[in-house]
mmCIF file of all heavy atoms, coordinates in Angstrom:
data_MODEL
# 
_entry.id   MODEL 
# 
loop_
_atom_site.group_PDB 
_atom_site.id 
_atom_site.type_symbol 
_atom_site.label_atom_id 
_atom_site.label_alt_id 
_atom_site.label_comp_id 
_atom_site.label_asym_id 
_atom_site.label_entity_id 
_atom_site.label_seq_id 
_atom_site.pdbx_PDB_ins_code 
_atom_site.Cartn_x 
_atom_site.Cartn_y 
_atom_site.Cartn_z 
_atom_site.occupancy 
_atom_site.B_iso_or_equiv 
_atom_site.pdbx_formal_charge 
_atom_site.auth_seq_id 
_atom_site.auth_comp_id 
_atom_site.auth_asym_id 
_atom_site.auth_atom_id 
_atom_site.pdbx_PDB_model_num 
ATOM 1   N N   . ASP A 1 1  ? 133.419 82.703  111.597 1.00 0.00 ? 1  ASP A N   1 
ATOM 2   C CA  . ASP A 1 1  ? 132.237 83.207  112.301 1.00 0.00 ? 1  ASP A CA  1 
ATOM 3   C C   . ASP A 1 1  ? 132.580 83.774  113.668 1.00 0.00 ? 1  ASP A C   1 
ATOM 4   O O   . ASP A 1 1  ? 131.817 84.583  114.210 1.00 0.00 ? 1  ASP A O   1 
ATOM 5   C CB  . ASP A 1 1  ? 131.212 82.074  112.458 1.00 0.00 ? 1  ASP A CB  1 
ATOM 6   C CG  . ASP A 1 1  ? 130.654 81.616  111.131 1.00 0.00 ? 1  ASP A CG  1 
ATOM 7   O OD1 . ASP A 1 1  ? 129.931 82.409  110.511 1.00 0.00 ? 1  ASP A OD1 1 
ATOM 8   O OD2 . ASP A 1 1  ? 130.957 80.497  110.705 1.00 0.00 ? 1  ASP A OD2 1 
ATOM 9   N N   . ILE A 1 2  ? 133.704 83.361  114.237 1.00 0.00 ? 2  ILE A N   1 
ATOM 10  C CA  . ILE A 1 2  ? 134.073 83.846  115.581 1.00 0.00 ? 2  ILE A CA  1 
ATOM 11  C C   . ILE A 1 2  ? 134.372 85.340  115.579 1.00 0.00 ? 2  ILE A C   1 
ATOM 12  O O   . ILE A 1 2  ? 133.747 86.098  116.335 1.00 0.00 ? 2  ILE A O   1 
ATOM 13  C CB  . ILE A 1 2  ? 135.255 83.028  116.140 1.00 0.00 ? 2  ILE A CB  1 
ATOM 14  C CG1 . ILE A 1 2  ? 134.825 81.572  116.350 1.00 0.00 ? 2  ILE A CG1 1 
ATOM 15  C CG2 . ILE A 1 2  ? 135.752 83.628  117.456 1.00 0.00 ? 2  ILE A CG2 1 
ATOM 16  C CD1 . ILE A 1 2  ? 135.952 80.636  116.713 1.00 0.00 ? 2  ILE A CD1 1 
ATOM 17  N N   . PRO A 1 3  ? 135.323 85.834  114.731 1.00 0.00 ? 3  PRO A N   1 
ATOM 18  C CA  . PRO A 1 3  ? 135.560 87.281  114.737 1.00 0.00 ? 3  PRO A CA  1 
ATOM 19  C C   . PRO A 1 3  ? 134.351 88.082  114.267 1.00 0.00 ? 3  PRO A C   1 
ATOM 20  O O   . PRO A 1 3  ? 134.127 89.197  114.748 1.00 0.00 ? 3  PRO A O   1 
ATOM 21  C CB  . PRO A 1 3  ? 136.746 87.451  113.775 1.00 0.00 ? 3  PRO A CB  1 
ATOM 22  C CG  . PRO A 1 3  ? 136.779 86.227  112.941 1.00 0.00 ? 3  PRO A CG  1 
ATOM 23  C CD  . PRO A 1 3  ? 136.264 85.140  113.825 1.00 0.00 ? 3  PRO A CD  1 
ATOM 24  N N   . ILE A 1 4  ? 133.565 87.529  113.333 1.00 0.00 ? 4  ILE A N   1 
ATOM 25  C CA  . ILE A 1 4  ? 132.369 88.240  112.860 1.00 0.00 ? 4  ILE A CA  1 
ATOM 26  C C   . ILE A 1 4  ? 131.371 88.409  114.004 1.00 0.00 ? 4  ILE A C   1 
ATOM 27  O O   . ILE A 1 4  ? 130.806 89.490  114.210 1.00 0.00 ? 4  ILE A O   1 
ATOM 28  C CB  . ILE A 1 4  ? 131.728 87.484  111.673 1.00 0.00 ? 4  ILE A CB  1 
ATOM 29  C CG1 . ILE A 1 4  ? 132.638 87.561  110.443 1.00 0.00 ? 4  ILE A CG1 1 
ATOM 30  C CG2 . ILE A 1 4  ? 130.357 88.052  111.338 1.00 0.00 ? 4  ILE A CG2 1 
ATOM 31  C CD1 . ILE A 1 4  ? 132.177 86.706  109.275 1.00 0.00 ? 4  ILE A CD1 1 
ATOM 32  N N   . THR A 1 5  ? 131.146 87.331  114.761 1.00 0.00 ? 5  THR A N   1 
ATOM 33  C CA  . THR A 1 5  ? 130.212 87.385  115.891 1.00 0.00 ? 5  THR A CA  1 
ATOM 34  C C   . THR A 1 5  ? 130.675 88.390  116.945 1.00 0.00 ? 5  THR A C   1 
ATOM 35  O O   . THR A 1 5  ? 129.876 89.205  117.437 1.00 0.00 ? 5  THR A O   1 
ATOM 36  C CB  . THR A 1 5  ? 130.080 85.989  116.538 1.00 0.00 ? 5  THR A CB  1 
ATOM 37  O OG1 . THR A 1 5  ? 129.601 85.071  115.556 1.00 0.00 ? 5  THR A OG1 1 
ATOM 38  C CG2 . THR A 1 5  ? 129.114 86.021  117.702 1.00 0.00 ? 5  THR A CG2 1 
ATOM 39  N N   . ILE A 1 6  ? 131.958 88.322  117.284 1.00 0.00 ? 6  ILE A N   1 
ATOM 40  C CA  . ILE A 1 6  ? 132.500 89.251  118.290 1.00 0.00 ? 6  ILE A CA  1 
ATOM 41  C C   . ILE A 1 6  ? 132.360 90.688  117.799 1.00 0.00 ? 6  ILE A C   1 
ATOM 42  O O   . ILE A 1 6  ? 131.921 91.578  118.538 1.00 0.00 ? 6  ILE A O   1 
ATOM 43  C CB  . ILE A 1 6  ? 133.982 88.924  118.584 1.00 0.00 ? 6  ILE A CB  1 
ATOM 44  C CG1 . ILE A 1 6  ? 134.091 87.552  119.262 1.00 0.00 ? 6  ILE A CG1 1 
ATOM 45  C CG2 . ILE A 1 6  ? 134.610 90.010  119.465 1.00 0.00 ? 6  ILE A CG2 1 
ATOM 46  C CD1 . ILE A 1 6  ? 135.510 87.055  119.412 1.00 0.00 ? 6  ILE A CD1 1 
ATOM 47  N N   . GLY A 1 7  ? 132.715 90.924  116.549 1.00 0.00 ? 7  GLY A N   1 
ATOM 48  C CA  . GLY A 1 7  ? 132.660 92.275  115.994 1.00 0.00 ? 7  GLY A CA  1 
ATOM 49  C C   . GLY A 1 7  ? 131.250 92.838  115.992 1.00 0.00 ? 7  GLY A C   1 
ATOM 50  O O   . GLY A 1 7  ? 131.031 93.980  116.427 1.00 0.00 ? 7  GLY A O   1 
ATOM 51  N N   . ILE A 1 8  ? 130.287 92.045  115.507 1.00 0.00 ? 8  ILE A N   1 
ATOM 52  C CA  . ILE A 1 8  ? 128.896 92.518  115.444 1.00 0.00 ? 8  ILE A CA  1 
ATOM 53  C C   . ILE A 1 8  ? 128.356 92.795  116.843 1.00 0.00 ? 8  ILE A C   1 
ATOM 54  O O   . ILE A 1 8  ? 127.740 93.841  117.102 1.00 0.00 ? 8  ILE A O   1 
ATOM 55  C CB  . ILE A 1 8  ? 128.013 91.490  114.709 1.00 0.00 ? 8  ILE A CB  1 
ATOM 56  C CG1 . ILE A 1 8  ? 128.371 91.448  113.229 1.00 0.00 ? 8  ILE A CG1 1 
ATOM 57  C CG2 . ILE A 1 8  ? 126.534 91.821  114.883 1.00 0.00 ? 8  ILE A CG2 1 
ATOM 58  C CD1 . ILE A 1 8  ? 127.693 90.340  112.453 1.00 0.00 ? 8  ILE A CD1 1 
ATOM 59  N N   . GLY A 1 9  ? 128.600 91.850  117.767 1.00 0.00 ? 9  GLY A N   1 
ATOM 60  C CA  . GLY A 1 9  ? 128.086 92.011  119.130 1.00 0.00 ? 9  GLY A CA  1 
ATOM 61  C C   . GLY A 1 9  ? 128.661 93.221  119.839 1.00 0.00 ? 9  GLY A C   1 
ATOM 62  O O   . GLY A 1 9  ? 127.913 94.036  120.414 1.00 0.00 ? 9  GLY A O   1 
ATOM 63  N N   . VAL A 1 10 ? 129.983 93.366  119.765 1.00 0.00 ? 10 VAL A N   1 
ATOM 64  C CA  . VAL A 1 10 ? 130.648 94.484  120.458 1.00 0.00 ? 10 VAL A CA  1 
ATOM 65  C C   . VAL A 1 10 ? 130.248 95.820  119.843 1.00 0.00 ? 10 VAL A C   1 
ATOM 66  O O   . VAL A 1 10 ? 129.960 96.790  120.552 1.00 0.00 ? 10 VAL A O   1 
ATOM 67  C CB  . VAL A 1 10 ? 132.180 94.299  120.421 1.00 0.00 ? 10 VAL A CB  1 
ATOM 68  C CG1 . VAL A 1 10 ? 132.890 95.550  120.917 1.00 0.00 ? 10 VAL A CG1 1 
ATOM 69  C CG2 . VAL A 1 10 ? 132.592 93.103  121.273 1.00 0.00 ? 10 VAL A CG2 1 
ATOM 70  N N   . LEU A 1 11 ? 130.224 95.891  118.500 1.00 0.00 ? 11 LEU A N   1 
ATOM 71  C CA  . LEU A 1 11 ? 129.897 97.149  117.835 1.00 0.00 ? 11 LEU A CA  1 
ATOM 72  C C   . LEU A 1 11 ? 128.463 97.577  118.126 1.00 0.00 ? 11 LEU A C   1 
ATOM 73  O O   . LEU A 1 11 ? 128.197 98.770  118.351 1.00 0.00 ? 11 LEU A O   1 
ATOM 74  C CB  . LEU A 1 11 ? 130.107 97.015  116.328 1.00 0.00 ? 11 LEU A CB  1 
ATOM 75  C CG  . LEU A 1 11 ? 130.143 98.327  115.544 1.00 0.00 ? 11 LEU A CG  1 
ATOM 76  C CD1 . LEU A 1 11 ? 131.345 99.156  115.944 1.00 0.00 ? 11 LEU A CD1 1 
ATOM 77  C CD2 . LEU A 1 11 ? 130.173 98.071  114.049 1.00 0.00 ? 11 LEU A CD2 1 
ATOM 78  N N   . PHE A 1 12 ? 127.538 96.621  118.149 1.00 0.00 ? 12 PHE A N   1 
ATOM 79  C CA  . PHE A 1 12 ? 126.144 96.959  118.455 1.00 0.00 ? 12 PHE A CA  1 
ATOM 80  C C   . PHE A 1 12 ? 126.007 97.466  119.890 1.00 0.00 ? 12 PHE A C   1 
ATOM 81  O O   . PHE A 1 12 ? 125.354 98.497  120.137 1.00 0.00 ? 12 PHE A O   1 
ATOM 82  C CB  . PHE A 1 12 ? 125.255 95.738  118.234 1.00 0.00 ? 12 PHE A CB  1 
ATOM 83  C CG  . PHE A 1 12 ? 123.820 95.970  118.604 1.00 0.00 ? 12 PHE A CG  1 
ATOM 84  C CD1 . PHE A 1 12 ? 123.006 96.786  117.834 1.00 0.00 ? 12 PHE A CD1 1 
ATOM 85  C CD2 . PHE A 1 12 ? 123.266 95.377  119.742 1.00 0.00 ? 12 PHE A CD2 1 
ATOM 86  C CE1 . PHE A 1 12 ? 121.669 97.009  118.180 1.00 0.00 ? 12 PHE A CE1 1 
ATOM 87  C CE2 . PHE A 1 12 ? 121.952 95.592  120.090 1.00 0.00 ? 12 PHE A CE2 1 
ATOM 88  C CZ  . PHE A 1 12 ? 121.146 96.411  119.304 1.00 0.00 ? 12 PHE A CZ  1 
ATOM 89  N N   . LEU A 1 13 ? 126.610 96.771  120.837 1.00 0.00 ? 13 LEU A N   1 
ATOM 90  C CA  . LEU A 1 13 ? 126.508 97.178  122.240 1.00 0.00 ? 13 LEU A CA  1 
ATOM 91  C C   . LEU A 1 13 ? 127.161 98.539  122.475 1.00 0.00 ? 13 LEU A C   1 
ATOM 92  O O   . LEU A 1 13 ? 126.629 99.387  123.211 1.00 0.00 ? 13 LEU A O   1 
ATOM 93  C CB  . LEU A 1 13 ? 127.159 96.111  123.139 1.00 0.00 ? 13 LEU A CB  1 
ATOM 94  C CG  . LEU A 1 13 ? 126.427 94.763  123.194 1.00 0.00 ? 13 LEU A CG  1 
ATOM 95  C CD1 . LEU A 1 13 ? 127.247 93.746  123.979 1.00 0.00 ? 13 LEU A CD1 1 
ATOM 96  C CD2 . LEU A 1 13 ? 125.046 94.909  123.811 1.00 0.00 ? 13 LEU A CD2 1 
ATOM 97  N N   . TRP A 1 14 ? 128.323 98.758  121.857 1.00 0.00 ? 14 TRP A N   1 
ATOM 98  C CA  . TRP A 1 14 ? 128.983 100.051 122.032 1.00 0.00 ? 14 TRP A CA  1 
ATOM 99  C C   . TRP A 1 14 ? 128.169 101.178 121.385 1.00 0.00 ? 14 TRP A C   1 
ATOM 100 O O   . TRP A 1 14 ? 128.058 102.271 121.956 1.00 0.00 ? 14 TRP A O   1 
ATOM 101 C CB  . TRP A 1 14 ? 130.381 100.022 121.431 1.00 0.00 ? 14 TRP A CB  1 
ATOM 102 C CG  . TRP A 1 14 ? 131.082 101.349 121.545 1.00 0.00 ? 14 TRP A CG  1 
ATOM 103 C CD1 . TRP A 1 14 ? 131.279 102.276 120.575 1.00 0.00 ? 14 TRP A CD1 1 
ATOM 104 C CD2 . TRP A 1 14 ? 131.633 101.901 122.737 1.00 0.00 ? 14 TRP A CD2 1 
ATOM 105 N NE1 . TRP A 1 14 ? 131.924 103.365 121.054 1.00 0.00 ? 14 TRP A NE1 1 
ATOM 106 C CE2 . TRP A 1 14 ? 132.166 103.170 122.399 1.00 0.00 ? 14 TRP A CE2 1 
ATOM 107 C CE3 . TRP A 1 14 ? 131.740 101.459 124.053 1.00 0.00 ? 14 TRP A CE3 1 
ATOM 108 C CZ2 . TRP A 1 14 ? 132.787 103.999 123.332 1.00 0.00 ? 14 TRP A CZ2 1 
ATOM 109 C CZ3 . TRP A 1 14 ? 132.374 102.283 124.974 1.00 0.00 ? 14 TRP A CZ3 1 
ATOM 110 C CH2 . TRP A 1 14 ? 132.886 103.529 124.620 1.00 0.00 ? 14 TRP A CH2 1 
ATOM 111 N N   . SER A 1 15 ? 127.578 100.923 120.235 1.00 0.00 ? 15 SER A N   1 
ATOM 112 C CA  . SER A 1 15 ? 126.756 101.931 119.561 1.00 0.00 ? 15 SER A CA  1 
ATOM 113 C C   . SER A 1 15 ? 125.540 102.279 120.412 1.00 0.00 ? 15 SER A C   1 
ATOM 114 O O   . SER A 1 15 ? 125.173 103.451 120.552 1.00 0.00 ? 15 SER A O   1 
ATOM 115 C CB  . SER A 1 15 ? 126.321 101.426 118.182 1.00 0.00 ? 15 SER A CB  1 
ATOM 116 O OG  . SER A 1 15 ? 127.437 101.184 117.357 1.00 0.00 ? 15 SER A OG  1 
ATOM 117 N N   . CYS A 1 16 ? 124.895 101.258 120.995 1.00 0.00 ? 16 CYS A N   1 
ATOM 118 C CA  . CYS A 1 16 ? 123.753 101.495 121.895 1.00 0.00 ? 16 CYS A CA  1 
ATOM 119 C C   . CYS A 1 16 ? 124.196 102.310 123.117 1.00 0.00 ? 16 CYS A C   1 
ATOM 120 O O   . CYS A 1 16 ? 123.484 103.213 123.581 1.00 0.00 ? 16 CYS A O   1 
ATOM 121 C CB  . CYS A 1 16 ? 123.137 100.176 122.343 1.00 0.00 ? 16 CYS A CB  1 
ATOM 122 S SG  . CYS A 1 16 ? 122.253 99.293  121.035 1.00 0.00 ? 16 CYS A SG  1 
ATOM 123 N N   . TYR A 1 17 ? 125.379 101.987 123.628 1.00 0.00 ? 17 TYR A N   1 
ATOM 124 C CA  . TYR A 1 17 ? 125.932 102.704 124.788 1.00 0.00 ? 17 TYR A CA  1 
ATOM 125 C C   . TYR A 1 17 ? 126.100 104.193 124.461 1.00 0.00 ? 17 TYR A C   1 
ATOM 126 O O   . TYR A 1 17 ? 125.713 105.072 125.248 1.00 0.00 ? 17 TYR A O   1 
ATOM 127 C CB  . TYR A 1 17 ? 127.277 102.076 125.168 1.00 0.00 ? 17 TYR A CB  1 
ATOM 128 C CG  . TYR A 1 17 ? 128.078 102.848 126.183 1.00 0.00 ? 17 TYR A CG  1 
ATOM 129 C CD1 . TYR A 1 17 ? 127.728 102.836 127.529 1.00 0.00 ? 17 TYR A CD1 1 
ATOM 130 C CD2 . TYR A 1 17 ? 129.198 103.588 125.779 1.00 0.00 ? 17 TYR A CD2 1 
ATOM 131 C CE1 . TYR A 1 17 ? 128.477 103.542 128.466 1.00 0.00 ? 17 TYR A CE1 1 
ATOM 132 C CE2 . TYR A 1 17 ? 129.943 104.303 126.697 1.00 0.00 ? 17 TYR A CE2 1 
ATOM 133 C CZ  . TYR A 1 17 ? 129.582 104.280 128.040 1.00 0.00 ? 17 TYR A CZ  1 
ATOM 134 O OH  . TYR A 1 17 ? 130.319 104.991 128.963 1.00 0.00 ? 17 TYR A OH  1 
ATOM 135 N N   . GLU A 1 18 ? 126.635 104.495 123.261 1.00 0.00 ? 18 GLU A N   1 
ATOM 136 C CA  . GLU A 1 18 ? 126.824 105.890 122.862 1.00 0.00 ? 18 GLU A CA  1 
ATOM 137 C C   . GLU A 1 18 ? 125.487 106.617 122.711 1.00 0.00 ? 18 GLU A C   1 
ATOM 138 O O   . GLU A 1 18 ? 125.336 107.764 123.141 1.00 0.00 ? 18 GLU A O   1 
ATOM 139 C CB  . GLU A 1 18 ? 127.599 105.961 121.539 1.00 0.00 ? 18 GLU A CB  1 
ATOM 140 C CG  . GLU A 1 18 ? 129.096 105.758 121.677 1.00 0.00 ? 18 GLU A CG  1 
ATOM 141 C CD  . GLU A 1 18 ? 129.846 106.153 120.416 1.00 0.00 ? 18 GLU A CD  1 
ATOM 142 O OE1 . GLU A 1 18 ? 129.188 106.618 119.445 1.00 0.00 ? 18 GLU A OE1 1 
ATOM 143 O OE2 . GLU A 1 18 ? 131.078 106.015 120.405 1.00 0.00 ? 18 GLU A OE2 1 
ATOM 144 N N   . VAL A 1 19 ? 124.506 105.947 122.108 1.00 0.00 ? 19 VAL A N   1 
ATOM 145 C CA  . VAL A 1 19 ? 123.214 106.580 121.845 1.00 0.00 ? 19 VAL A CA  1 
ATOM 146 C C   . VAL A 1 19 ? 122.446 106.820 123.144 1.00 0.00 ? 19 VAL A C   1 
ATOM 147 O O   . VAL A 1 19 ? 121.930 107.925 123.402 1.00 0.00 ? 19 VAL A O   1 
ATOM 148 C CB  . VAL A 1 19 ? 122.376 105.725 120.874 1.00 0.00 ? 19 VAL A CB  1 
ATOM 149 C CG1 . VAL A 1 19 ? 120.928 106.227 120.809 1.00 0.00 ? 19 VAL A CG1 1 
ATOM 150 C CG2 . VAL A 1 19 ? 123.000 105.738 119.491 1.00 0.00 ? 19 VAL A CG2 1 
ATOM 151 N N   . PHE A 1 20 ? 122.359 105.808 123.991 1.00 0.00 ? 20 PHE A N   1 
ATOM 152 C CA  . PHE A 1 20 ? 121.552 105.921 125.214 1.00 0.00 ? 20 PHE A CA  1 
ATOM 153 C C   . PHE A 1 20 ? 122.149 106.897 126.216 1.00 0.00 ? 20 PHE A C   1 
ATOM 154 O O   . PHE A 1 20 ? 121.423 107.510 127.014 1.00 0.00 ? 20 PHE A O   1 
ATOM 155 C CB  . PHE A 1 20 ? 121.377 104.550 125.865 1.00 0.00 ? 20 PHE A CB  1 
ATOM 156 C CG  . PHE A 1 20 ? 120.559 103.592 125.023 1.00 0.00 ? 20 PHE A CG  1 
ATOM 157 C CD1 . PHE A 1 20 ? 120.834 102.232 125.005 1.00 0.00 ? 20 PHE A CD1 1 
ATOM 158 C CD2 . PHE A 1 20 ? 119.515 104.062 124.222 1.00 0.00 ? 20 PHE A CD2 1 
ATOM 159 C CE1 . PHE A 1 20 ? 120.089 101.365 124.232 1.00 0.00 ? 20 PHE A CE1 1 
ATOM 160 C CE2 . PHE A 1 20 ? 118.765 103.195 123.450 1.00 0.00 ? 20 PHE A CE2 1 
ATOM 161 C CZ  . PHE A 1 20 ? 119.058 101.843 123.450 1.00 0.00 ? 20 PHE A CZ  1 
ATOM 162 N N   . LEU A 1 21 ? 123.475 107.092 126.187 1.00 0.00 ? 21 LEU A N   1 
ATOM 163 C CA  . LEU A 1 21 ? 124.112 108.056 127.088 1.00 0.00 ? 21 LEU A CA  1 
ATOM 164 C C   . LEU A 1 21 ? 124.391 109.384 126.381 1.00 0.00 ? 21 LEU A C   1 
ATOM 165 O O   . LEU A 1 21 ? 125.078 110.254 126.932 1.00 0.00 ? 21 LEU A O   1 
ATOM 166 C CB  . LEU A 1 21 ? 125.414 107.477 127.653 1.00 0.00 ? 21 LEU A CB  1 
ATOM 167 C CG  . LEU A 1 21 ? 125.258 106.264 128.582 1.00 0.00 ? 21 LEU A CG  1 
ATOM 168 C CD1 . LEU A 1 21 ? 126.614 105.813 129.118 1.00 0.00 ? 21 LEU A CD1 1 
ATOM 169 C CD2 . LEU A 1 21 ? 124.315 106.568 129.741 1.00 0.00 ? 21 LEU A CD2 1 
ATOM 170 N N   . ASP A 1 22 ? 123.873 109.493 125.153 1.00 0.00 ? 22 ASP A N   1 
ATOM 171 C CA  . ASP A 1 22 ? 124.009 110.726 124.373 1.00 0.00 ? 22 ASP A CA  1 
ATOM 172 C C   . ASP A 1 22 ? 125.472 111.125 124.172 1.00 0.00 ? 22 ASP A C   1 
ATOM 173 O O   . ASP A 1 22 ? 125.829 112.306 124.248 1.00 0.00 ? 22 ASP A O   1 
ATOM 174 C CB  . ASP A 1 22 ? 123.238 111.873 125.040 1.00 0.00 ? 22 ASP A CB  1 
ATOM 175 C CG  . ASP A 1 22 ? 122.939 113.006 124.051 1.00 0.00 ? 22 ASP A CG  1 
ATOM 176 O OD1 . ASP A 1 22 ? 123.043 112.751 122.829 1.00 0.00 ? 22 ASP A OD1 1 
ATOM 177 O OD2 . ASP A 1 22 ? 122.638 114.123 124.503 1.00 0.00 ? 22 ASP A OD2 1 
ATOM 178 N N   . LEU A 1 23 ? 126.312 110.101 123.903 1.00 0.00 ? 23 LEU A N   1 
ATOM 179 C CA  . LEU A 1 23 ? 127.733 110.362 123.671 1.00 0.00 ? 23 LEU A CA  1 
ATOM 180 C C   . LEU A 1 23 ? 128.050 110.463 122.178 1.00 0.00 ? 23 LEU A C   1 
ATOM 181 O O   . LEU A 1 23 ? 129.114 110.938 121.792 1.00 0.00 ? 23 LEU A O   1 
ATOM 182 C CB  . LEU A 1 23 ? 128.591 109.245 124.286 1.00 0.00 ? 23 LEU A CB  1 
ATOM 183 C CG  . LEU A 1 23 ? 128.445 109.036 125.795 1.00 0.00 ? 23 LEU A CG  1 
ATOM 184 C CD1 . LEU A 1 23 ? 129.234 107.814 126.239 1.00 0.00 ? 23 LEU A CD1 1 
ATOM 185 C CD2 . LEU A 1 23 ? 128.931 110.281 126.548 1.00 0.00 ? 23 LEU A CD2 1 
ATOM 186 N N   . GLY A 1 24 ? 127.153 109.991 121.334 1.00 0.00 ? 24 GLY A N   1 
ATOM 187 C CA  . GLY A 1 24 ? 127.372 110.003 119.890 1.00 0.00 ? 24 GLY A CA  1 
ATOM 188 C C   . GLY A 1 24 ? 126.326 109.160 119.197 1.00 0.00 ? 24 GLY A C   1 
ATOM 189 O O   . GLY A 1 24 ? 125.392 108.633 119.830 1.00 0.00 ? 24 GLY A O   1 
ATOM 190 N N   . SER A 1 25 ? 126.474 108.998 117.875 1.00 0.00 ? 25 SER A N   1 
ATOM 191 C CA  . SER A 1 25 ? 125.472 108.256 117.097 1.00 0.00 ? 25 SER A CA  1 
ATOM 192 C C   . SER A 1 25 ? 125.865 106.800 116.861 1.00 0.00 ? 25 SER A C   1 
ATOM 193 O O   . SER A 1 25 ? 125.137 106.053 116.227 1.00 0.00 ? 25 SER A O   1 
ATOM 194 C CB  . SER A 1 25 ? 125.251 108.949 115.746 1.00 0.00 ? 25 SER A CB  1 
ATOM 195 O OG  . SER A 1 25 ? 126.475 109.012 115.022 1.00 0.00 ? 25 SER A OG  1 
ATOM 196 N N   . GLY A 1 26 ? 127.044 106.386 117.388 1.00 0.00 ? 26 GLY A N   1 
ATOM 197 C CA  . GLY A 1 26 ? 127.461 104.995 117.253 1.00 0.00 ? 26 GLY A CA  1 
ATOM 198 C C   . GLY A 1 26 ? 127.909 104.648 115.839 1.00 0.00 ? 26 GLY A C   1 
ATOM 199 O O   . GLY A 1 26 ? 128.213 105.534 115.027 1.00 0.00 ? 26 GLY A O   1 
ATOM 200 N N   . TYR A 1 27 ? 127.936 103.347 115.566 1.00 0.00 ? 27 TYR A N   1 
ATOM 201 C CA  . TYR A 1 27 ? 128.421 102.840 114.271 1.00 0.00 ? 27 TYR A CA  1 
ATOM 202 C C   . TYR A 1 27 ? 127.363 101.984 113.578 1.00 0.00 ? 27 TYR A C   1 
ATOM 203 O O   . TYR A 1 27 ? 127.676 100.974 112.948 1.00 0.00 ? 27 TYR A O   1 
ATOM 204 C CB  . TYR A 1 27 ? 129.687 102.002 114.487 1.00 0.00 ? 27 TYR A CB  1 
ATOM 205 C CG  . TYR A 1 27 ? 130.845 102.772 115.082 1.00 0.00 ? 27 TYR A CG  1 
ATOM 206 C CD1 . TYR A 1 27 ? 131.089 102.745 116.442 1.00 0.00 ? 27 TYR A CD1 1 
ATOM 207 C CD2 . TYR A 1 27 ? 131.680 103.530 114.262 1.00 0.00 ? 27 TYR A CD2 1 
ATOM 208 C CE1 . TYR A 1 27 ? 132.155 103.450 116.992 1.00 0.00 ? 27 TYR A CE1 1 
ATOM 209 C CE2 . TYR A 1 27 ? 132.752 104.234 114.792 1.00 0.00 ? 27 TYR A CE2 1 
ATOM 210 C CZ  . TYR A 1 27 ? 132.982 104.198 116.159 1.00 0.00 ? 27 TYR A CZ  1 
ATOM 211 O OH  . TYR A 1 27 ? 134.023 104.902 116.692 1.00 0.00 ? 27 TYR A OH  1 
ATOM 212 N N   . PHE A 1 28 ? 126.099 102.415 113.683 1.00 0.00 ? 28 PHE A N   1 
ATOM 213 C CA  . PHE A 1 28 ? 125.030 101.606 113.092 1.00 0.00 ? 28 PHE A CA  1 
ATOM 214 C C   . PHE A 1 28 ? 125.126 101.545 111.566 1.00 0.00 ? 28 PHE A C   1 
ATOM 215 O O   . PHE A 1 28 ? 124.743 100.544 110.949 1.00 0.00 ? 28 PHE A O   1 
ATOM 216 C CB  . PHE A 1 28 ? 123.667 102.167 113.505 1.00 0.00 ? 28 PHE A CB  1 
ATOM 217 C CG  . PHE A 1 28 ? 123.372 102.009 114.962 1.00 0.00 ? 28 PHE A CG  1 
ATOM 218 C CD1 . PHE A 1 28 ? 123.334 103.116 115.798 1.00 0.00 ? 28 PHE A CD1 1 
ATOM 219 C CD2 . PHE A 1 28 ? 123.164 100.751 115.517 1.00 0.00 ? 28 PHE A CD2 1 
ATOM 220 C CE1 . PHE A 1 28 ? 123.077 102.969 117.150 1.00 0.00 ? 28 PHE A CE1 1 
ATOM 221 C CE2 . PHE A 1 28 ? 122.899 100.605 116.863 1.00 0.00 ? 28 PHE A CE2 1 
ATOM 222 C CZ  . PHE A 1 28 ? 122.868 101.715 117.686 1.00 0.00 ? 28 PHE A CZ  1 
# 
């Protein structure tokens, strides 16, 4: 559960970062 939690959390935050700054569509 540790790597899964880290992966989901980081990927979601980075995807939001890309979308809100109009850098890309992220990895949703």
